[in-house]
Amino acid sequence: MLLSHLKIKSSLVAPYVLLPGDPARVDTIGRALTSFRIIGNNREFKTGNGLYRGIPVTVCSTGIGCPSTAIAAEELIAAGAKVLIRVGTCGGAWRADVPAGSLVIPIASIRDEGTTREYIPEGFPAVADFAVVNALEGAAKESKKKYAIGINRTHDAFYGNQSSIVKWGAYLRDQRWNTQETPILSSEMESAALFIVASLWGARAGAILAVNANPEPLRARVRGMQQRVTTESDPKVSARVVEDMIAVALRAIALLAKQSHHASPL
């Protein structure tokens, strides 16, 4: 069967899938795989297959935002994908202690977007799969990469009003939170859709995000400091942290495959 939007045969989809946003990053990930080849290229969806330590891996770009991410996740899961990991950038973290060059592993994403409301009411949480989060953390530790685990925010409008950001830290104006930082580590545009679609279909999903800009602390923003939303602070830092992110995600797949081999099949 030909998948409607990805334009690939469903039989070609591997159980393990990496989901970058940028189609160009499919080729970047492909260089870390063996026997890699492009199997589809339609709209924002560029798809390739390769092997990592003998494990079949599909790499599929989602484009920007939740609508196209949901489409990709739906079609990949329908074709047999069991573990899906978003690999993308998140600009600057919302905490000063997560500098550019770090990795963020979300345990959940705030549903500050519209796509998932068409699936299920907002009270349903967008959470990452526990085993996938553990594998990503284990891979980051083994690789000795700087990482943080916490809550992510997924939103729709990159150039949206800053009040949409400030509302998540309004409570920080209260004096009793003077010594506290926000638990929201990052903000991006795809993870919530992936987590919701995977949850509803019984697939496992997670994400690892490359922090490729200097911190944009929510506390400072709430207290009146003017801050631009920056996509990148230093191209060299971006290139290095993206490579780290890819390496950790692939290592996590190897850990999950090993666990699956010693447990019940996916």
Protein backbone atom coordinates (compact mmCIF):
# COMPACT_ATOMS: atom_id res chain seq x y z
CA MET A 1 0.00 0.00 0.00
CA LEU A 2 1.24 3.48 -0.89
CA LEU A 3 1.03 5.91 2.03
CA SER A 4 -1.11 8.89 1.02
CA HIS A 5 1.22 11.78 1.91
CA LEU A 6 4.61 10.17 2.45
CA LYS A 7 4.30 8.47 -0.96
CA ILE A 8 6.19 5.37 0.11
CA LYS A 9 5.18 1.73 0.30
CA SER A 10 3.97 0.84 3.78
CA SER A 11 6.09 -2.33 3.72
CA LEU A 12 9.25 -0.19 3.71
CA VAL A 13 8.60 1.45 7.10
CA ALA A 14 10.87 0.13 9.89
CA PRO A 15 9.70 -0.37 13.50
CA TYR A 16 12.12 2.37 14.61
CA VAL A 17 11.65 5.86 13.17
CA LEU A 18 13.47 9.16 13.61
CA LEU A 19 11.50 12.31 12.83
CA PRO A 20 13.48 15.49 12.06
CA GLY A 21 11.55 18.55 10.97
CA ASP A 22 13.96 19.67 8.27
CA PRO A 23 14.05 17.50 5.11
CA ALA A 24 17.77 18.27 4.77
CA ARG A 25 18.37 16.65 8.14
CA VAL A 26 17.19 13.32 6.74
CA ASP A 27 20.43 13.21 4.74
CA THR A 28 22.44 14.29 7.78
CA ILE A 29 21.03 11.40 9.79
CA GLY A 30 21.53 9.11 6.82
CA ARG A 31 25.28 9.69 7.00
CA ALA A 32 25.24 8.05 10.45
CA LEU A 33 23.57 4.94 9.03
CA THR A 34 24.75 2.18 6.73
CA SER A 35 23.04 1.19 3.49
CA PHE A 36 21.07 4.41 3.61
CA ARG A 37 18.83 5.32 0.68
CA ILE A 38 16.03 7.80 0.06
CA ILE A 39 12.72 6.02 -0.52
CA GLY A 40 10.33 8.96 -0.80
CA ASN A 41 10.23 12.73 -1.24
CA ASN A 42 6.85 14.44 -1.29
CA ARG A 43 6.06 17.94 -0.01
CA GLU A 44 7.74 18.30 3.42
CA PHE A 45 8.04 14.53 3.81
CA LYS A 46 11.45 13.22 2.81
CA THR A 47 11.95 9.61 3.85
CA GLY A 48 14.97 7.32 3.91
CA ASN A 49 15.90 3.88 5.21
CA GLY A 50 19.17 2.61 6.64
CA LEU A 51 20.74 0.45 9.31
CA TYR A 52 22.19 1.38 12.68
CA ARG A 53 24.25 -1.45 14.16
CA GLY A 54 22.17 -3.79 12.04
CA ILE A 55 18.83 -2.32 13.22
CA PRO A 56 16.52 -1.09 10.42
CA VAL A 57 15.70 2.60 10.89
CA THR A 58 13.37 4.83 8.92
CA VAL A 59 14.05 8.58 8.87
CA CYS A 60 11.17 10.87 7.86
CA SER A 61 10.99 14.66 7.93
CA THR A 62 7.79 16.24 9.21
CA GLY A 63 8.20 19.85 8.13
CA ILE A 64 7.33 22.59 10.60
CA GLY A 65 4.42 22.29 13.00
CA CYS A 66 1.89 19.87 14.39
CA PRO A 67 -0.45 19.39 11.38
CA SER A 68 2.20 17.80 9.18
CA THR A 69 3.77 15.98 12.14
CA ALA A 70 0.41 14.35 12.90
CA ILE A 71 0.08 13.27 9.26
CA ALA A 72 3.53 11.67 9.27
CA ALA A 73 2.94 9.94 12.61
CA GLU A 74 -0.45 8.62 11.53
CA GLU A 75 0.86 7.14 8.29
CA LEU A 76 4.05 5.71 9.79
CA ILE A 77 2.22 4.05 12.68
CA ALA A 78 -0.40 2.65 10.30
CA ALA A 79 2.48 1.17 8.29
CA GLY A 80 3.97 -0.56 11.34
CA ALA A 81 6.22 1.95 13.10
CA LYS A 82 6.45 1.07 16.80
CA VAL A 83 8.95 3.58 18.21
CA LEU A 84 9.03 7.16 16.92
CA ILE A 85 11.54 9.74 18.16
CA ARG A 86 11.46 13.39 17.19
CA VAL A 87 14.92 14.87 16.64
CA GLY A 88 14.80 18.63 16.27
CA THR A 89 16.00 22.00 17.48
CA CYS A 90 14.30 24.21 20.06
CA GLY A 91 16.25 27.48 19.91
CA GLY A 92 17.04 28.88 23.35
CA ALA A 93 15.96 27.11 26.53
CA TRP A 94 13.57 28.78 28.97
CA ARG A 95 16.03 28.38 31.85
CA ALA A 96 19.43 30.01 32.28
CA ASP A 97 20.99 26.72 33.40
CA VAL A 98 20.38 25.03 30.02
CA PRO A 99 22.91 26.69 27.69
CA ALA A 100 23.27 26.46 23.94
CA GLY A 101 24.85 23.13 23.07
CA SER A 102 22.70 21.19 25.54
CA LEU A 103 20.12 18.52 24.81
CA VAL A 104 16.55 18.50 26.15
CA ILE A 105 14.65 15.25 26.64
CA PRO A 106 10.96 16.05 27.19
CA ILE A 107 8.88 13.92 29.52
CA ALA A 108 5.78 15.73 28.27
CA SER A 109 4.72 18.65 26.10
CA ILE A 110 2.27 21.42 26.85
CA ARG A 111 -0.45 21.34 24.22
CA ASP A 112 -0.24 25.03 23.29
CA GLU A 113 -1.29 24.27 19.70
CA GLY A 114 -4.43 23.45 17.77
CA THR A 115 -3.90 20.13 16.02
CA THR A 116 -4.29 17.81 19.00
CA ARG A 117 -7.58 19.44 20.03
CA GLU A 118 -9.09 17.79 16.97
CA TYR A 119 -8.09 14.42 18.41
CA ILE A 120 -8.99 14.63 22.08
CA PRO A 121 -9.87 17.35 24.68
CA GLU A 122 -7.07 19.43 26.19
CA GLY A 123 -7.24 17.67 29.57
CA PHE A 124 -5.56 14.62 28.03
CA PRO A 125 -1.77 14.96 28.53
CA ALA A 126 0.80 14.80 25.76
CA VAL A 127 3.38 12.54 27.40
CA ALA A 128 6.43 10.74 26.06
CA ASP A 129 6.77 6.99 26.47
CA PHE A 130 8.59 6.11 29.69
CA ALA A 131 10.86 3.51 28.07
CA VAL A 132 11.84 5.89 25.27
CA VAL A 133 12.66 8.68 27.74
CA ASN A 134 14.78 6.26 29.79
CA ALA A 135 16.62 5.07 26.68
CA LEU A 136 17.34 8.64 25.58
CA GLU A 137 18.63 9.55 29.03
CA GLY A 138 20.73 6.39 29.16
CA ALA A 139 22.21 7.14 25.75
CA ALA A 140 22.96 10.75 26.74
CA LYS A 141 24.73 9.56 29.90
CA GLU A 142 26.75 6.95 28.02
CA SER A 143 27.73 9.59 25.47
CA LYS A 144 28.62 12.07 28.24
CA LYS A 145 26.48 14.78 26.69
CA LYS A 146 25.01 17.69 28.66
CA TYR A 147 21.26 17.18 28.86
CA ALA A 148 18.19 18.20 30.82
CA ILE A 149 14.92 16.34 31.31
CA GLY A 150 11.64 18.12 31.90
CA ILE A 151 8.57 19.66 30.33
CA ASN A 152 8.49 21.08 26.81
CA ARG A 153 5.95 23.43 25.24
CA THR A 154 4.59 22.84 21.74
CA HIS A 155 3.03 25.81 19.98
CA ASP A 156 1.89 26.89 16.52
CA ALA A 157 2.99 30.44 15.68
CA PHE A 158 6.72 31.05 15.53
CA TYR A 159 6.15 34.79 15.10
CA GLY A 160 3.26 34.88 17.57
CA ASN A 161 2.59 37.46 20.28
CA GLN A 162 4.99 37.29 23.25
CA SER A 163 2.02 37.17 25.62
CA SER A 164 1.55 33.56 24.56
CA ILE A 165 4.92 32.83 26.18
CA VAL A 166 4.61 35.06 29.24
CA LYS A 167 1.33 33.43 30.32
CA TRP A 168 3.24 30.24 31.21
CA GLY A 169 5.34 32.13 33.74
CA ALA A 170 2.79 34.58 35.14
CA TYR A 171 2.89 32.76 38.49
CA LEU A 172 6.59 33.67 38.81
CA ARG A 173 5.57 37.27 39.59
CA ASP A 174 4.32 36.07 42.96
CA GLN A 175 6.96 36.60 45.65
CA ARG A 176 6.61 33.07 46.99
CA TRP A 177 8.20 31.74 43.76
CA ASN A 178 11.24 34.03 44.07
CA THR A 179 13.73 31.17 44.36
CA GLN A 180 12.11 28.89 41.78
CA GLU A 181 12.80 28.41 38.08
CA THR A 182 10.19 27.32 35.56
CA PRO A 183 9.86 23.55 35.00
CA ILE A 184 9.31 24.32 31.29
CA LEU A 185 12.70 23.75 29.67
CA SER A 186 12.03 24.37 26.01
CA SER A 187 9.58 25.36 23.32
CA GLU A 188 9.15 23.90 19.84
CA MET A 189 6.41 23.11 17.33
CA GLU A 190 5.98 19.35 16.86
CA SER A 191 6.30 17.10 19.92
CA ALA A 192 2.77 17.34 21.33
CA ALA A 193 1.24 16.05 18.11
CA LEU A 194 3.65 13.13 18.00
CA PHE A 195 3.00 12.21 21.65
CA ILE A 196 -0.79 12.40 21.29
CA VAL A 197 -1.02 10.43 18.05
CA ALA A 198 1.36 7.76 19.37
CA SER A 199 -0.56 7.49 22.66
CA LEU A 200 -3.88 7.06 20.92
CA TRP A 201 -2.54 4.39 18.57
CA GLY A 202 -0.53 2.51 21.20
CA ALA A 203 2.89 3.33 19.76
CA ARG A 204 5.91 4.53 21.74
CA ALA A 205 7.11 8.08 21.17
CA GLY A 206 9.75 10.38 22.55
CA ALA A 207 11.79 13.40 21.57
CA ILE A 208 15.26 14.79 21.95
CA LEU A 209 15.82 18.47 21.22
CA ALA A 210 19.01 20.32 20.38
CA VAL A 211 19.33 23.65 22.22
CA ASN A 212 20.95 25.76 19.51
CA ALA A 213 20.54 29.27 20.90
CA ASN A 214 21.44 31.09 24.09
CA PRO A 215 18.94 30.83 26.98
CA GLU A 216 15.75 32.89 26.91
CA PRO A 217 14.82 32.60 30.61
CA LEU A 218 11.09 32.71 31.22
CA ARG A 219 11.62 34.31 34.64
CA ALA A 220 13.44 37.27 33.08
CA ARG A 221 10.85 37.60 30.32
CA VAL A 222 7.99 37.64 32.82
CA ARG A 223 9.75 40.34 34.84
CA GLY A 224 9.98 42.67 31.86
CA MET A 225 13.28 41.85 30.15
CA GLN A 226 12.88 42.17 26.40
CA GLN A 227 14.00 38.98 24.69
CA ARG A 228 13.93 37.95 21.06
CA VAL A 229 13.01 34.41 20.13
CA THR A 230 16.24 33.24 18.50
CA THR A 231 16.59 30.24 16.23
CA GLU A 232 20.38 30.04 16.39
CA SER A 233 23.21 31.73 18.30
CA ASP A 234 26.25 30.16 16.65
CA PRO A 235 26.21 27.91 13.55
CA LYS A 236 29.16 25.90 14.86
CA VAL A 237 27.40 25.21 18.16
CA SER A 238 24.25 24.27 16.23
CA ALA A 239 26.11 21.82 14.01
CA ARG A 240 27.79 20.16 17.00
CA VAL A 241 24.66 19.81 19.13
CA VAL A 242 22.64 18.47 16.19
CA GLU A 243 25.30 15.81 15.68
CA ASP A 244 25.13 15.01 19.41
CA MET A 245 21.34 14.77 19.24
CA ILE A 246 21.43 12.36 16.31
CA ALA A 247 24.07 10.18 17.96
CA VAL A 248 22.11 9.99 21.20
CA ALA A 249 18.83 9.19 19.42
CA LEU A 250 20.44 6.37 17.46
CA ARG A 251 22.09 5.00 20.58
CA ALA A 252 18.69 5.08 22.29
CA ILE A 253 17.25 3.00 19.46
CA ALA A 254 19.99 0.43 20.00
CA LEU A 255 19.16 0.31 23.72
CA LEU A 256 15.45 -0.10 23.01
CA ALA A 257 16.11 -2.83 20.46
CA LYS A 258 18.26 -4.68 22.99
CA GLN A 259 15.53 -4.40 25.62
CA SER A 260 12.95 -5.62 23.14
CA HIS A 261 15.11 -8.63 22.30
CA HIS A 262 15.16 -9.64 25.97
CA ALA A 263 11.47 -8.93 26.51
CA SER A 264 8.27 -9.29 24.55
CA PRO A 265 8.35 -8.20 20.89
CA LEU A 266 7.28 -4.66 20.05
